[in-house]
């Protein structure tokens, strides 16, 4: 069987390779030398096809890639497993060795993937990917995550409200939000927020509680209304491999209280849900989305970073100033003087990840 026929049988399609004659030659040799050859060739082909788009952009073959170009490609894969990343690197090493063997690459040239990419490089890439999965990178990504993985509006509303800027101690602003605080006509929600008071020397001397209105997006308002209307909470069996089947869910009646967030399966007094409920529901969506590192805090900073970008558009600036970071902190219930540095670091990190993903 010819290698091109094997590839067609695996995915029923033609692969799009850069310098396809070299790639097919490499795959044929791989097929001839590997015991588990069909599965191995299929995996190799998928990786080489993904590399192909970067080869075309750089107008050079993989065996000509520099150290930084190989690292950039490995980073773009978004793999969180060191073993998987090492498997891809072994393909690059094997391909470059193959090109040296068959004189596609000059004999005197170094196999950079073999000698220059270290275990430390792979560890740093994996650490970066695991860090990356902690954040939500835009309002669009938030909407997609909610639509795909939030089984209940009662779960979705937590993500939406925290991303919009609700905070408080243990995210009390989310837990304490009442149905009567929601203004459908103005698309606002009313909060009681504590603001830090400073003396003339800039030292904190106390807090002052103020009633404020926060405007939210159409998407968030729709989710709030859905959460208010929800009467039964669907519990999810996270061990299931087929979460779309209705028999993997169990419906439990939600308590009837004045609050947007309500508990299920029991009769509770008319009071806010506890922080454990909020954390559990956040974790459930994160695990379904295979982004287990997401927490209420990372959702909150994700939203604050997105708000910084909105302020840049409003002020028609290319880069945020200290005052913009402080304004975002204030909007998100953070203490500007002590938190704007952290927000800046997270915002910078998110921009760097986005720019790599766009390459």
Protein backbone atom coordinates (compact mmCIF):
# COMPACT_ATOMS: atom_id res chain seq x y z
CA UNK A 1 0.00 0.00 0.00
CA UNK A 2 1.39 3.44 -0.90
CA UNK A 3 1.81 5.91 1.92
CA UNK A 4 -0.51 8.43 0.23
CA UNK A 5 -3.22 5.73 0.17
CA UNK A 6 -2.62 5.06 3.87
CA UNK A 7 -3.08 8.74 4.65
CA UNK A 8 -6.32 8.88 2.68
CA UNK A 9 -7.62 5.87 4.58
CA UNK A 10 -6.88 7.53 7.93
CA UNK A 11 -8.68 10.83 7.38
CA UNK A 12 -10.33 10.43 3.99
CA UNK A 13 -8.67 13.56 2.68
CA UNK A 14 -5.56 14.86 0.99
CA UNK A 15 -3.01 16.37 3.36
CA UNK A 16 -1.73 19.86 2.67
CA UNK A 17 2.05 19.80 3.11
CA UNK A 18 4.80 22.30 2.42
CA UNK A 19 7.34 20.61 0.11
CA UNK A 20 5.02 17.64 -0.07
CA UNK A 21 7.48 15.38 -1.92
CA UNK A 22 9.91 15.56 1.00
CA UNK A 23 7.10 15.05 3.52
CA UNK A 24 5.72 12.01 1.69
CA UNK A 25 9.23 10.55 1.41
CA UNK A 26 9.67 10.99 5.18
CA UNK A 27 6.27 9.44 5.92
CA UNK A 28 6.98 6.49 3.65
CA UNK A 29 10.22 5.81 5.49
CA UNK A 30 8.43 6.22 8.81
CA UNK A 31 5.77 3.74 7.66
CA UNK A 32 8.41 1.23 6.63
CA UNK A 33 10.30 1.48 9.94
CA UNK A 34 7.53 1.64 12.56
CA UNK A 35 5.68 -1.33 13.99
CA UNK A 36 2.49 0.62 14.71
CA UNK A 37 2.93 2.25 11.32
CA UNK A 38 -0.57 3.32 10.28
CA UNK A 39 -1.35 5.12 13.56
CA UNK A 40 2.15 6.56 13.73
CA UNK A 41 2.06 7.88 10.17
CA UNK A 42 -1.36 9.40 10.81
CA UNK A 43 -0.09 11.32 13.84
CA UNK A 44 3.06 12.42 12.02
CA UNK A 45 0.99 13.60 9.06
CA UNK A 46 -1.33 15.68 11.24
CA UNK A 47 1.61 17.40 12.92
CA UNK A 48 3.41 18.05 9.61
CA UNK A 49 0.24 19.51 8.17
CA UNK A 50 -0.05 21.90 11.11
CA UNK A 51 3.59 22.89 10.66
CA UNK A 52 2.88 23.49 6.97
CA UNK A 53 0.97 26.71 7.57
CA UNK A 54 3.96 28.13 9.46
CA UNK A 55 6.36 26.90 6.78
CA UNK A 56 4.34 28.75 4.15
CA UNK A 57 4.30 31.90 6.24
CA UNK A 58 8.07 31.79 6.75
CA UNK A 59 8.67 30.51 3.21
CA UNK A 60 11.06 27.83 4.45
CA UNK A 61 10.97 24.11 5.18
CA UNK A 62 10.81 22.77 8.73
CA UNK A 63 14.42 21.54 8.55
CA UNK A 64 15.47 25.18 8.04
CA UNK A 65 13.68 26.47 11.16
CA UNK A 66 15.67 28.39 13.76
CA UNK A 67 15.47 27.74 17.49
CA UNK A 68 12.95 30.56 18.05
CA UNK A 69 10.81 29.41 15.11
CA UNK A 70 10.60 25.87 16.51
CA UNK A 71 9.73 27.20 19.97
CA UNK A 72 7.06 29.46 18.49
CA UNK A 73 5.46 26.53 16.69
CA UNK A 74 5.52 24.31 19.80
CA UNK A 75 3.93 27.12 21.79
CA UNK A 76 1.18 27.57 19.19
CA UNK A 77 0.05 23.96 19.71
CA UNK A 78 -1.28 24.88 23.16
CA UNK A 79 -0.37 21.45 24.54
CA UNK A 80 -0.50 21.14 28.32
CA UNK A 81 1.20 17.74 28.50
CA UNK A 82 4.99 17.52 28.45
CA UNK A 83 4.83 14.00 26.97
CA UNK A 84 2.67 15.15 24.06
CA UNK A 85 4.94 18.13 23.42
CA UNK A 86 7.99 15.88 23.55
CA UNK A 87 6.30 13.60 21.01
CA UNK A 88 5.94 16.50 18.59
CA UNK A 89 9.55 17.52 19.15
CA UNK A 90 10.65 13.95 18.35
CA UNK A 91 8.85 14.24 15.00
CA UNK A 92 10.71 17.48 14.24
CA UNK A 93 14.02 15.86 15.28
CA UNK A 94 13.31 12.78 13.18
CA UNK A 95 12.27 14.81 10.18
CA UNK A 96 15.42 16.97 10.35
CA UNK A 97 17.62 13.86 10.73
CA UNK A 98 15.85 12.40 7.70
CA UNK A 99 16.58 15.56 5.67
CA UNK A 100 20.25 15.39 6.65
CA UNK A 101 20.40 11.71 5.73
CA UNK A 102 18.89 12.29 2.29
CA UNK A 103 20.80 15.54 1.59
CA UNK A 104 17.75 17.80 1.69
CA UNK A 105 19.68 19.60 4.40
CA UNK A 106 23.42 20.18 4.15
CA UNK A 107 25.50 17.63 6.07
CA UNK A 108 27.41 20.28 7.97
CA UNK A 109 24.26 21.92 9.38
CA UNK A 110 23.12 21.31 12.93
CA UNK A 111 19.86 19.59 13.85
CA UNK A 112 18.67 22.45 16.05
CA UNK A 113 15.66 20.51 17.34
CA UNK A 114 17.93 17.72 18.62
CA UNK A 115 20.74 19.77 20.13
CA UNK A 116 19.23 23.16 21.03
CA UNK A 117 15.74 22.41 22.39
CA UNK A 118 16.19 21.39 26.02
CA UNK A 119 14.02 19.72 28.65
CA UNK A 120 13.86 23.10 30.35
CA UNK A 121 12.38 24.63 27.18
CA UNK A 122 9.62 22.02 27.16
CA UNK A 123 8.92 22.48 30.88
CA UNK A 124 8.62 26.24 30.39
CA UNK A 125 6.24 25.77 27.45
CA UNK A 126 4.02 23.41 29.44
CA UNK A 127 4.03 25.76 32.45
CA UNK A 128 3.05 28.63 30.16
CA UNK A 129 0.19 26.62 28.67
CA UNK A 130 -1.12 25.63 32.08
CA UNK A 131 -0.96 29.31 33.06
CA UNK A 132 -2.74 30.25 29.85
CA UNK A 133 -5.72 28.04 30.63
CA UNK A 134 -6.36 30.03 33.79
CA UNK A 135 -7.79 32.98 31.88
CA UNK A 136 -10.65 33.87 29.56
CA UNK A 137 -9.25 36.07 26.83
CA UNK A 138 -12.24 38.04 25.54
CA UNK A 139 -15.96 38.56 25.94
CA UNK A 140 -16.41 36.42 22.83
CA UNK A 141 -14.52 33.51 24.44
CA UNK A 142 -16.63 33.93 27.57
CA UNK A 143 -19.81 33.67 25.51
CA UNK A 144 -18.54 30.57 23.68
CA UNK A 145 -17.51 28.89 26.94
CA UNK A 146 -20.91 29.57 28.51
CA UNK A 147 -22.87 28.43 25.47
CA UNK A 148 -20.95 25.16 25.19
CA UNK A 149 -20.33 24.14 28.79
CA UNK A 150 -22.71 25.90 31.19
CA UNK A 151 -25.57 23.40 31.54
CA UNK A 152 -27.47 25.77 33.84
CA UNK A 153 -28.16 29.47 33.58
CA UNK A 154 -27.47 29.47 37.32
CA UNK A 155 -23.88 28.45 36.48
CA UNK A 156 -23.50 30.73 33.48
CA UNK A 157 -24.59 33.82 35.41
CA UNK A 158 -21.68 33.41 37.85
CA UNK A 159 -19.16 33.57 35.01
CA UNK A 160 -20.95 36.48 33.35
CA UNK A 161 -21.33 38.60 36.50
CA UNK A 162 -17.76 38.08 37.69
CA UNK A 163 -16.44 38.86 34.21
CA UNK A 164 -18.53 42.07 34.25
CA UNK A 165 -16.84 43.17 37.48
CA UNK A 166 -18.83 41.98 40.49
CA UNK A 167 -16.61 41.09 43.43
CA UNK A 168 -16.79 41.78 47.17
CA UNK A 169 -15.46 39.50 49.91
CA UNK A 170 -15.77 35.91 48.66
CA UNK A 171 -17.58 37.40 45.65
CA UNK A 172 -20.42 38.54 47.87
CA UNK A 173 -21.62 41.00 45.19
CA UNK A 174 -22.54 38.00 43.03
CA UNK A 175 -24.06 35.99 45.87
CA UNK A 176 -25.99 38.96 47.30
CA UNK A 177 -27.46 40.13 43.97
CA UNK A 178 -31.25 40.24 44.25
CA UNK A 179 -33.77 40.03 41.45
CA UNK A 180 -34.93 43.53 42.41
CA UNK A 181 -31.38 44.85 41.79
CA UNK A 182 -31.70 44.09 38.06
CA UNK A 183 -32.90 46.91 35.81
CA UNK A 184 -33.90 45.32 32.50
CA UNK A 185 -34.71 48.60 30.75
CA UNK A 186 -31.35 50.25 31.49
CA UNK A 187 -29.30 47.04 31.39
CA UNK A 188 -27.85 47.81 34.81
CA UNK A 189 -27.52 46.06 38.13
CA UNK A 190 -27.44 47.81 41.49
CA UNK A 191 -24.67 46.99 43.96
CA UNK A 192 -23.67 48.01 47.45
CA UNK A 193 -19.90 48.33 47.21
CA UNK A 194 -17.27 49.20 49.77
CA UNK A 195 -14.82 51.89 48.64
CA UNK A 196 -11.47 52.51 50.33
CA UNK A 197 -11.01 55.87 52.07
CA UNK A 198 -7.56 57.51 52.19
CA UNK A 199 -6.22 60.37 54.30
CA UNK A 200 -4.21 63.27 52.89
CA UNK A 201 -1.01 61.21 53.17
CA UNK A 202 -2.45 58.48 50.96
CA UNK A 203 -2.89 55.99 53.79
CA UNK A 204 -6.00 53.83 54.10
CA UNK A 205 -8.18 54.94 57.01
CA UNK A 206 -11.33 52.96 56.36
CA UNK A 207 -14.08 52.01 53.94
CA UNK A 208 -17.28 53.65 52.77
CA UNK A 209 -20.27 51.74 51.42
CA UNK A 210 -21.97 53.23 48.36
CA UNK A 211 -24.85 52.18 46.17
CA UNK A 212 -23.77 52.07 42.52
CA UNK A 213 -25.23 50.96 39.20
CA UNK A 214 -23.12 48.90 36.78
CA UNK A 215 -24.06 48.59 33.14
CA UNK A 216 -23.79 45.08 31.70
CA UNK A 217 -23.81 43.67 28.18
CA UNK A 218 -26.91 42.38 26.41
CA UNK A 219 -25.50 38.87 26.68
CA UNK A 220 -25.05 39.14 30.46
CA UNK A 221 -28.52 40.61 30.94
CA UNK A 222 -30.06 37.72 29.00
CA UNK A 223 -28.21 35.23 31.21
CA UNK A 224 -29.34 37.04 34.37
CA UNK A 225 -32.96 36.80 33.24
CA UNK A 226 -32.52 33.12 32.34
CA UNK A 227 -31.02 32.46 35.79
CA UNK A 228 -33.96 34.22 37.46
CA UNK A 229 -36.43 32.16 35.41
CA UNK A 230 -34.70 28.82 36.01
CA UNK A 231 -36.72 26.57 38.34
CA UNK A 232 -34.81 23.27 38.14
CA UNK A 233 -31.06 22.82 38.47
CA UNK A 234 -29.44 20.10 36.36
CA UNK A 235 -26.66 18.33 38.24
CA UNK A 236 -23.94 16.93 36.01
CA UNK A 237 -22.11 13.63 36.23
CA UNK A 238 -18.58 14.83 35.47
CA UNK A 239 -17.36 11.24 35.08
CA UNK A 240 -19.60 10.78 32.06
CA UNK A 241 -17.95 10.70 28.65
CA UNK A 242 -21.19 11.65 26.91
CA UNK A 243 -22.46 14.77 28.63
CA UNK A 244 -25.01 15.52 25.93
CA UNK A 245 -27.19 12.57 26.91
CA UNK A 246 -30.04 13.75 29.12
CA UNK A 247 -29.79 10.69 31.38
CA UNK A 248 -26.44 12.01 32.61
CA UNK A 249 -28.25 14.88 34.35
CA UNK A 250 -30.44 14.94 37.41
CA UNK A 251 -32.96 17.76 37.89
CA UNK A 252 -33.32 19.31 41.32
CA UNK A 253 -35.76 22.06 42.25
CA UNK A 254 -34.22 25.45 42.98
CA UNK A 255 -35.23 27.23 46.17
CA UNK A 256 -37.55 30.20 45.81
CA UNK A 257 -35.75 33.26 47.19
CA UNK A 258 -35.28 36.94 46.36
CA UNK A 259 -31.78 36.27 45.03
CA UNK A 260 -30.55 35.61 41.49
CA UNK A 261 -28.34 32.72 42.66
CA UNK A 262 -30.22 29.99 44.50
CA UNK A 263 -29.44 26.57 45.90
CA UNK A 264 -31.04 23.35 44.72
CA UNK A 265 -32.44 20.19 46.22
CA UNK A 266 -33.43 21.66 49.56
CA UNK A 267 -35.60 24.33 51.17
CA UNK A 268 -33.44 27.19 52.39
CA UNK A 269 -34.32 30.45 54.13
CA UNK A 270 -34.41 33.60 52.05
CA UNK A 271 -30.66 34.32 52.13
CA UNK A 272 -27.70 34.36 49.71
CA UNK A 273 -25.93 31.16 48.67
CA UNK A 274 -22.63 30.39 50.35
CA UNK A 275 -19.23 30.79 48.72
CA UNK A 276 -18.90 26.98 48.45
CA UNK A 277 -21.86 26.89 46.04
CA UNK A 278 -20.30 29.59 43.85
CA UNK A 279 -16.93 27.82 43.80
CA UNK A 280 -18.48 24.42 43.05
CA UNK A 281 -20.52 25.73 40.13
CA UNK A 282 -17.54 27.61 38.72
CA UNK A 283 -15.42 24.47 38.95
CA UNK A 284 -18.07 22.34 37.23
CA UNK A 285 -18.12 24.54 34.11
CA UNK A 286 -14.31 24.77 34.08
CA UNK A 287 -13.95 20.99 34.21
CA UNK A 288 -16.50 20.45 31.46
CA UNK A 289 -14.55 22.94 29.33
CA UNK A 290 -11.28 21.18 30.26
CA UNK A 291 -9.95 24.42 31.74
CA UNK A 292 -9.72 23.25 35.36
CA UNK A 293 -7.41 26.08 36.41
CA UNK A 294 -10.17 28.67 36.02
CA UNK A 295 -11.30 30.16 39.34
CA UNK A 296 -13.57 33.08 40.28
CA UNK A 297 -10.43 35.20 40.74
CA UNK A 298 -9.02 34.44 37.27
CA UNK A 299 -12.44 35.09 35.69
CA UNK A 300 -12.49 38.44 37.48
CA UNK A 301 -9.02 39.48 36.28
CA UNK A 302 -9.90 38.24 32.79
CA UNK A 303 -12.86 40.60 32.75
CA UNK A 304 -10.76 43.47 34.13
CA UNK A 305 -8.19 42.92 31.36
CA UNK A 306 -10.97 42.97 28.78
CA UNK A 307 -12.23 46.22 30.33
CA UNK A 308 -8.75 47.75 29.94
CA UNK A 309 -9.04 47.08 26.20
CA UNK A 310 -12.46 48.72 26.14
CA UNK A 311 -10.99 51.80 27.83
CA UNK A 312 -8.21 51.92 25.23
CA UNK A 313 -10.86 52.10 22.52
CA UNK A 314 -12.80 54.79 24.41
CA UNK A 315 -9.69 56.94 24.91
CA UNK A 316 -8.29 56.09 21.46
CA UNK A 317 -4.95 54.92 22.89
CA UNK A 318 -2.58 52.19 21.75
CA UNK A 319 -1.17 51.36 25.19
CA UNK A 320 -2.78 51.67 28.63
CA UNK A 321 -1.50 54.19 31.15
CA UNK A 322 -1.31 53.72 34.89
CA UNK A 323 -4.54 55.68 35.23
CA UNK A 324 -6.36 53.31 32.87
CA UNK A 325 -5.30 50.30 34.94
CA UNK A 326 -6.45 52.12 38.08
CA UNK A 327 -9.79 53.00 36.47
CA UNK A 328 -10.31 49.34 35.57
CA UNK A 329 -9.44 48.30 39.13
CA UNK A 330 -11.99 50.73 40.52
CA UNK A 331 -14.68 49.45 38.15
CA UNK A 332 -13.90 45.86 39.20
CA UNK A 333 -13.97 46.48 42.94
CA UNK A 334 -10.20 46.23 43.33
CA UNK A 335 -8.04 48.64 45.34
CA UNK A 336 -6.31 50.65 42.58
CA UNK A 337 -3.20 51.67 44.52
CA UNK A 338 -2.37 48.07 45.46
CA UNK A 339 -3.73 46.06 42.56
CA UNK A 340 -3.05 47.97 39.35
CA UNK A 341 0.47 46.44 39.05
CA UNK A 342 -1.00 42.93 39.16
CA UNK A 343 -3.65 43.81 36.60
CA UNK A 344 -0.97 45.24 34.34
CA UNK A 345 1.04 42.00 34.51
CA UNK A 346 -2.02 39.89 33.69
CA UNK A 347 -3.12 42.22 30.88
CA UNK A 348 0.39 42.12 29.37
CA UNK A 349 0.47 38.33 29.60
CA UNK A 350 -2.92 38.00 27.89
CA UNK A 351 -1.83 40.27 25.03
CA UNK A 352 1.31 38.17 24.52
CA UNK A 353 -0.69 34.93 24.41
CA UNK A 354 -3.15 36.44 21.93
CA UNK A 355 -0.35 37.66 19.69
CA UNK A 356 1.27 34.20 19.63
CA UNK A 357 -2.05 32.55 18.84
CA UNK A 358 -2.56 34.92 15.92
CA UNK A 359 0.78 33.97 14.33
